[in-house]
Protein backbone atom coordinates (compact mmCIF):
# COMPACT_ATOMS: atom_id res chain seq x y z
CA MET A 1 33.68 53.66 32.09
CA ASN A 2 32.76 50.97 34.22
CA LEU A 3 35.02 47.38 33.53
CA HIS A 4 32.02 45.33 34.88
CA HIS A 5 29.27 46.67 32.22
CA GLN A 6 31.44 45.73 29.40
CA GLY A 7 30.45 42.59 27.11
CA GLY A 8 26.87 42.52 28.55
CA GLY A 9 25.28 43.73 25.27
CA ALA A 10 27.85 40.80 23.63
CA LEU A 11 26.40 38.07 26.29
CA ILE A 12 23.19 39.20 25.69
CA GLY A 13 23.52 38.70 21.82
CA VAL A 14 25.49 35.00 22.36
CA LEU A 15 22.54 34.14 24.36
CA LEU A 16 20.15 35.57 21.62
CA LEU A 17 22.02 33.73 19.22
CA LEU A 18 22.04 30.37 21.13
CA ALA A 19 18.28 30.92 21.74
CA MET A 20 17.77 31.24 17.58
CA SER A 21 20.04 28.17 17.23
CA ALA A 22 18.41 25.74 19.35
CA ALA A 23 15.11 27.05 17.92
CA LEU A 24 16.19 26.55 14.42
CA LEU A 25 17.53 23.13 15.48
CA HIS A 26 14.27 21.98 16.74
CA ALA A 27 12.39 23.14 13.40
CA THR A 28 14.84 21.18 12.08
CA ARG A 29 14.61 17.85 13.88
CA ARG A 30 10.60 18.32 13.32
CA GLN A 31 11.05 17.96 9.65
CA LEU A 32 13.44 15.54 9.15
CA ASP A 33 10.64 13.44 11.48
CA ALA A 34 7.95 14.19 9.42
CA SER A 35 10.25 13.45 6.36
CA LEU A 36 11.61 10.07 7.69
CA ARG A 37 7.36 9.10 8.36
CA LEU A 38 6.79 10.21 4.85
CA VAL A 39 10.13 8.14 3.71
CA ALA A 40 8.19 5.09 5.80
CA ASP A 41 5.07 5.10 4.43
CA GLU A 42 6.16 5.47 0.82
CA ARG A 43 8.28 2.24 1.42
CA GLN A 44 5.16 0.32 3.11
CA PHE A 45 3.07 1.36 -0.47
CA ILE A 46 5.74 0.13 -2.60
CA ARG A 47 6.07 -3.01 -1.03
CA GLN A 48 2.52 -3.47 -0.55
CA TYR A 49 1.91 -2.35 -4.45
CA SER A 50 4.47 -5.02 -5.86
CA GLN A 51 3.33 -7.66 -3.55
CA ALA A 52 -0.25 -7.24 -4.80
CA GLU A 53 1.22 -7.12 -8.54
CA SER A 54 2.74 -10.44 -7.73
CA ALA A 55 -0.15 -12.17 -5.89
CA LEU A 56 -2.02 -11.14 -8.98
CA ALA A 57 0.46 -12.91 -11.26
CA TRP A 58 0.56 -15.86 -8.71
CA GLY A 59 -3.29 -16.50 -9.02
CA ARG A 60 -3.26 -16.26 -12.75
CA ARG A 61 -1.72 -19.54 -12.46
CA GLN A 62 -3.42 -21.49 -9.92
CA ASP A 63 -6.19 -24.29 -10.62
CA TRP A 64 -9.74 -22.43 -9.56
CA SER A 65 -13.09 -23.77 -8.86
CA TRP A 66 -14.70 -21.34 -11.55
CA GLN A 67 -17.78 -22.04 -10.92
CA GLU A 68 -18.04 -22.07 -7.11
CA PRO A 69 -19.79 -18.98 -5.99
CA GLY A 70 -18.20 -16.03 -3.76
CA TRP A 71 -14.49 -15.53 -2.98
CA GLN A 72 -12.25 -18.44 -2.78
CA CYS A 73 -8.65 -17.28 -1.55
CA LYS A 74 -5.33 -18.97 -1.86
CA THR A 75 -2.32 -17.81 0.15
CA ASP A 76 1.47 -18.62 -1.08
CA LEU A 77 3.16 -18.96 2.59
CA PRO A 78 6.73 -18.60 1.50
CA TYR A 79 5.46 -14.64 0.43
CA GLY A 80 3.06 -14.24 2.25
CA TRP A 81 0.32 -12.71 -0.29
CA ARG A 82 -2.93 -14.33 -1.53
CA ALA A 83 -5.08 -14.37 -3.93
CA CYS A 84 -8.81 -14.40 -4.04
CA LEU A 85 -11.24 -15.19 -6.90
CA ASN A 86 -14.80 -14.32 -7.15
CA SER A 87 -16.80 -16.02 -9.80
CA VAL A 88 -19.08 -13.31 -10.58
CA THR A 89 -20.88 -14.79 -14.09
CA ALA A 90 -20.02 -17.96 -15.91
CA GLN A 91 -18.07 -15.77 -18.31
CA ARG A 92 -16.22 -13.44 -15.97
CA SER A 93 -14.62 -13.65 -12.68
CA LEU A 94 -12.56 -11.32 -10.29
CA LEU A 95 -9.45 -11.70 -9.33
CA SER A 96 -7.75 -9.63 -6.87
CA GLY A 97 -4.14 -10.06 -5.31
CA ASP A 98 -2.97 -8.30 -1.82
CA SER A 99 -0.26 -9.15 0.50
CA GLY A 100 -2.89 -9.85 3.31
CA ALA A 101 -5.81 -9.01 5.08
CA GLY A 102 -5.94 -5.06 5.08
CA THR A 103 -3.38 -4.34 2.97
CA LEU A 104 -3.57 -2.90 -0.75
CA ALA A 105 -5.11 -4.88 -3.70
CA HIS A 106 -5.52 -4.88 -7.13
CA TYR A 107 -7.90 -6.76 -9.31
CA GLN A 108 -7.94 -8.04 -12.56
CA TRP A 109 -11.09 -9.39 -14.42
CA LEU A 110 -10.66 -12.72 -15.96
CA GLU A 111 -12.63 -13.96 -19.00
CA ALA A 112 -13.82 -17.22 -19.80
CA ASP A 113 -11.91 -19.28 -22.70
CA ASP A 114 -13.81 -21.91 -23.46
CA LYS A 115 -11.63 -23.35 -25.77
CA ALA A 116 -9.27 -24.09 -22.90
CA LYS A 117 -11.34 -24.25 -20.17
CA THR A 118 -9.22 -21.62 -18.54
CA ARG A 119 -10.18 -17.64 -17.97
CA THR A 120 -7.65 -15.12 -19.52
CA PRO A 121 -7.03 -11.49 -18.27
CA ALA A 122 -9.28 -9.27 -19.94
CA LEU A 123 -8.07 -6.64 -22.08
CA HIS A 124 -7.61 -3.35 -19.82
CA GLY A 125 -9.24 -5.28 -17.15
CA TRP A 126 -6.78 -4.08 -14.24
CA ILE A 127 -8.36 -2.36 -11.58
CA ASP A 128 -6.77 -0.75 -8.23
CA PHE A 129 -9.89 -0.83 -6.74
CA CYS A 130 -12.90 -3.55 -6.16
CA PRO A 131 -15.52 -2.58 -8.92
CA LEU A 132 -18.43 -4.53 -7.33
CA THR A 133 -21.65 -2.99 -5.65
CA PRO A 134 -22.58 -2.86 -3.11
CA PRO A 135 -19.13 -2.59 -1.56
CA GLU A 136 -20.07 -5.12 1.08
CA ARG A 137 -18.95 -7.71 -1.89
CA CYS A 138 -15.21 -6.76 -1.90
CA ASN A 139 -15.14 -8.15 1.48
CA ARG A 140 -12.85 -11.39 0.62
CA ASP A 141 -11.78 -12.17 4.81
CA GLU A 142 -15.50 -13.85 5.59
C-alpha cells in the first residue's frame, strides 16, 4: 500500500463538503437579501399608510373653500403630509390624504352639513383608491 495515495478520498470529501457549504451559504445570503428588501418595502408601505390616514384626519379639520372647483391642497410642513380637497358637487367633496406626491393616498367622501356650514365624513365613505372618472381627474399635482 502506497502512503502517498492514502487520504486522497478524504481530501476530495473535504473539498466537496466545502463547495456544498459555500453554495448553501450563498443561497442563504441571497434569501436574506430578498427578505430584507421585503421588510423595507413593508416598512415603507406601513409608514405611507399611517401618514395618509393622519393626513386625512388633519385635512378634515382644515378650513376649505367648499365651492372652489378642482383640487386644492394644503401641506403640514412639520410632518410632510398633505390633504387635498375636490368639491365634486355642491353637496359632496372628495378629501385625499398622502405623504407627498407619488405616495400612497387614501380618500374620504365628505357630505355637506348645511346647518353647521361644514362637511362631515360620509358613512362608509373611506376609499383606498380615487373613485373619480376619468382617472385624469384624480391628479392632485397640477
